[in-house]
Amino acid sequence: MPDITQTELMDMIAADESPSNISDKIKDLLFAKSAEKVDAVRPDVANTMFQEPEEEEVDDTPDSEEVEGA
């Protein structure tokens, strides 16, 4: 896919190029921008989703209040 800048897109609009061609180029630009953002966020999401939960230590000894109340 050839890279197109916003300036080139404006030139296409000014030169009365085909509306479907202009629309395709706009879609290409939007797709490229969204792909960059997805690639930037992907590592954080992967770490959040696939990170193993940290196990908290469980104290098996009863509290002094629990022993006295029994």
N, C-alpha and C. Protein backbone atom coordinates (compact mmCIF):
# COMPACT_ATOMS: atom_id res chain seq x y z
N MET A 1 0.86 -1.17 0.00
CA MET A 1 0.00 0.00 0.00
C MET A 1 0.90 1.23 0.00
N PRO A 2 0.76 2.09 -0.98
CA PRO A 2 1.60 3.29 -1.02
C PRO A 2 1.19 4.27 0.08
N ASP A 3 2.21 4.89 0.66
CA ASP A 3 1.94 5.88 1.69
C ASP A 3 1.46 7.17 1.02
N ILE A 4 0.42 7.75 1.60
CA ILE A 4 -0.11 9.01 1.08
C ILE A 4 -0.25 9.96 2.25
N THR A 5 0.12 11.19 2.04
CA THR A 5 0.03 12.19 3.10
C THR A 5 -1.25 12.98 2.95
N GLN A 6 -1.56 13.72 3.98
CA GLN A 6 -2.76 14.55 3.94
C GLN A 6 -2.65 15.62 2.85
N THR A 7 -1.44 16.09 2.60
CA THR A 7 -1.24 17.09 1.55
C THR A 7 -1.56 16.50 0.18
N GLU A 8 -1.11 15.28 -0.04
CA GLU A 8 -1.41 14.62 -1.31
C GLU A 8 -2.91 14.38 -1.45
N LEU A 9 -3.56 14.06 -0.35
CA LEU A 9 -5.01 13.87 -0.37
C LEU A 9 -5.72 15.17 -0.74
N MET A 10 -5.29 16.27 -0.18
CA MET A 10 -5.88 17.56 -0.51
C MET A 10 -5.64 17.90 -1.99
N ASP A 11 -4.47 17.55 -2.50
CA ASP A 11 -4.19 17.78 -3.92
C ASP A 11 -5.13 16.95 -4.80
N MET A 12 -5.42 15.73 -4.37
CA MET A 12 -6.35 14.88 -5.12
C MET A 12 -7.74 15.50 -5.15
N ILE A 13 -8.17 16.04 -4.02
CA ILE A 13 -9.48 16.67 -3.95
C ILE A 13 -9.52 17.91 -4.85
N ALA A 14 -8.46 18.71 -4.78
CA ALA A 14 -8.40 19.93 -5.59
C ALA A 14 -8.33 19.62 -7.09
N ALA A 15 -7.74 18.49 -7.45
CA ALA A 15 -7.58 18.13 -8.87
C ALA A 15 -8.80 17.39 -9.41
N ASP A 16 -9.87 17.32 -8.64
CA ASP A 16 -11.10 16.64 -9.06
C ASP A 16 -10.87 15.19 -9.46
N GLU A 17 -10.10 14.48 -8.64
CA GLU A 17 -9.93 13.05 -8.89
C GLU A 17 -11.22 12.33 -8.58
N SER A 18 -11.29 11.09 -8.94
CA SER A 18 -12.47 10.27 -8.74
C SER A 18 -12.85 10.23 -7.25
N PRO A 19 -14.13 10.48 -6.91
CA PRO A 19 -14.54 10.42 -5.50
C PRO A 19 -14.27 9.06 -4.85
N SER A 20 -14.42 7.99 -5.60
CA SER A 20 -14.15 6.68 -5.01
C SER A 20 -12.66 6.50 -4.73
N ASN A 21 -11.81 7.07 -5.57
CA ASN A 21 -10.37 7.01 -5.35
C ASN A 21 -10.00 7.82 -4.10
N ILE A 22 -10.59 8.99 -3.96
CA ILE A 22 -10.34 9.83 -2.79
C ILE A 22 -10.83 9.12 -1.53
N SER A 23 -12.01 8.52 -1.61
CA SER A 23 -12.56 7.80 -0.47
C SER A 23 -11.65 6.64 -0.07
N ASP A 24 -11.13 5.92 -1.03
CA ASP A 24 -10.22 4.81 -0.75
C ASP A 24 -8.96 5.31 -0.04
N LYS A 25 -8.44 6.44 -0.47
CA LYS A 25 -7.23 6.99 0.15
C LYS A 25 -7.51 7.45 1.58
N ILE A 26 -8.69 8.02 1.81
CA ILE A 26 -9.06 8.42 3.17
C ILE A 26 -9.14 7.19 4.06
N LYS A 27 -9.75 6.14 3.56
CA LYS A 27 -9.85 4.89 4.33
C LYS A 27 -8.46 4.33 4.63
N ASP A 28 -7.57 4.40 3.65
CA ASP A 28 -6.20 3.92 3.85
C ASP A 28 -5.50 4.71 4.96
N LEU A 29 -5.68 6.04 4.93
CA LEU A 29 -5.08 6.88 5.97
C LEU A 29 -5.63 6.53 7.36
N LEU A 30 -6.94 6.38 7.45
CA LEU A 30 -7.56 6.06 8.74
C LEU A 30 -7.14 4.69 9.24
N PHE A 31 -7.05 3.73 8.33
CA PHE A 31 -6.62 2.40 8.71
C PHE A 31 -5.19 2.42 9.23
N ALA A 32 -4.32 3.16 8.57
CA ALA A 32 -2.92 3.24 8.99
C ALA A 32 -2.80 3.88 10.37
N LYS A 33 -3.56 4.94 10.61
CA LYS A 33 -3.52 5.60 11.91
C LYS A 33 -4.04 4.69 13.01
N SER A 34 -5.13 4.00 12.74
CA SER A 34 -5.68 3.11 13.77
C SER A 34 -4.75 1.93 14.02
N ALA A 35 -4.10 1.43 12.99
CA ALA A 35 -3.16 0.32 13.17
C ALA A 35 -1.98 0.73 14.05
N GLU A 36 -1.51 1.96 13.89
CA GLU A 36 -0.43 2.46 14.74
C GLU A 36 -0.85 2.51 16.20
N LYS A 37 -2.06 2.98 16.44
CA LYS A 37 -2.55 3.08 17.82
C LYS A 37 -2.76 1.70 18.44
N VAL A 38 -3.28 0.77 17.66
CA VAL A 38 -3.48 -0.59 18.16
C VAL A 38 -2.13 -1.22 18.50
N ASP A 39 -1.15 -1.05 17.62
CA ASP A 39 0.18 -1.61 17.88
C ASP A 39 0.82 -0.99 19.12
N ALA A 40 0.54 0.27 19.39
CA ALA A 40 1.10 0.93 20.57
C ALA A 40 0.48 0.41 21.86
N VAL A 41 -0.79 0.05 21.83
CA VAL A 41 -1.50 -0.38 23.03
C VAL A 41 -1.44 -1.89 23.25
N ARG A 42 -1.18 -2.63 22.21
CA ARG A 42 -1.22 -4.10 22.27
C ARG A 42 -0.37 -4.69 23.41
N PRO A 43 0.89 -4.27 23.64
CA PRO A 43 1.68 -4.88 24.72
C PRO A 43 1.04 -4.68 26.10
N ASP A 44 0.49 -3.51 26.35
CA ASP A 44 -0.14 -3.25 27.66
C ASP A 44 -1.37 -4.13 27.86
N VAL A 45 -2.17 -4.27 26.84
CA VAL A 45 -3.37 -5.10 26.94
C VAL A 45 -2.98 -6.57 27.13
N ALA A 46 -1.99 -7.02 26.39
CA ALA A 46 -1.55 -8.41 26.52
C ALA A 46 -1.04 -8.69 27.92
N ASN A 47 -0.27 -7.76 28.48
CA ASN A 47 0.23 -7.95 29.84
C ASN A 47 -0.91 -7.99 30.84
N THR A 48 -1.91 -7.16 30.65
CA THR A 48 -3.04 -7.12 31.56
C THR A 48 -3.89 -8.39 31.46
N MET A 49 -4.13 -8.84 30.26
CA MET A 49 -5.01 -9.98 30.05
C MET A 49 -4.35 -11.32 30.40
N PHE A 50 -3.07 -11.46 30.15
CA PHE A 50 -2.43 -12.76 30.30
C PHE A 50 -1.48 -12.84 31.49
N GLN A 51 -1.45 -11.81 32.30
CA GLN A 51 -0.60 -11.82 33.48
C GLN A 51 -1.25 -12.71 34.53
N GLU A 52 -0.45 -13.58 35.12
CA GLU A 52 -0.99 -14.46 36.14
C GLU A 52 -1.25 -13.65 37.40
N PRO A 53 -2.39 -13.91 38.04
CA PRO A 53 -2.70 -13.15 39.25
C PRO A 53 -1.71 -13.45 40.37
N GLU A 54 -1.41 -12.42 41.12
CA GLU A 54 -0.51 -12.61 42.24
C GLU A 54 -1.29 -13.24 43.39
N GLU A 55 -0.71 -14.29 43.96
CA GLU A 55 -1.37 -14.95 45.07
C GLU A 55 -0.98 -14.27 46.37
N GLU A 56 -1.98 -13.99 47.18
CA GLU A 56 -1.72 -13.39 48.48
C GLU A 56 -1.45 -14.50 49.47
N GLU A 57 -0.56 -14.24 50.41
CA GLU A 57 -0.28 -15.23 51.43
C GLU A 57 -1.46 -15.30 52.39
N VAL A 58 -1.87 -16.52 52.69
CA VAL A 58 -2.99 -16.72 53.59
C VAL A 58 -2.42 -17.15 54.93
N ASP A 59 -2.85 -16.44 55.97
CA ASP A 59 -2.40 -16.75 57.33
C ASP A 59 -3.33 -17.80 57.91
N ASP A 60 -2.80 -19.02 58.15
CA ASP A 60 -3.61 -20.12 58.65
C ASP A 60 -3.79 -20.09 60.16
N THR A 61 -3.04 -19.26 60.84
CA THR A 61 -3.18 -19.22 62.30
C THR A 61 -4.38 -18.38 62.67
N PRO A 62 -5.22 -18.86 63.60
CA PRO A 62 -6.40 -18.09 63.99
C PRO A 62 -6.02 -16.86 64.80
N ASP A 63 -6.83 -15.82 64.64
CA ASP A 63 -6.61 -14.60 65.43
C ASP A 63 -6.92 -14.89 66.89
N SER A 64 -6.40 -14.10 67.78
CA SER A 64 -6.63 -14.30 69.21
C SER A 64 -8.11 -14.07 69.55
N GLU A 65 -8.78 -13.21 68.83
CA GLU A 65 -10.19 -12.95 69.08
C GLU A 65 -11.04 -14.15 68.70
N GLU A 66 -10.68 -14.85 67.61
CA GLU A 66 -11.43 -16.01 67.17
C GLU A 66 -11.31 -17.16 68.17
N VAL A 67 -10.13 -17.31 68.78
CA VAL A 67 -9.90 -18.39 69.74
C VAL A 67 -10.68 -18.12 71.01
N GLU A 68 -10.70 -16.89 71.50
CA GLU A 68 -11.38 -16.55 72.74
C GLU A 68 -12.89 -16.67 72.60
N GLY A 69 -13.43 -16.38 71.46
CA GLY A 69 -14.88 -16.42 71.24
C GLY A 69 -15.42 -17.82 71.09
N ALA A 70 -14.59 -18.81 70.90
CA ALA A 70 -15.06 -20.18 70.66
C ALA A 70 -15.43 -20.90 71.92
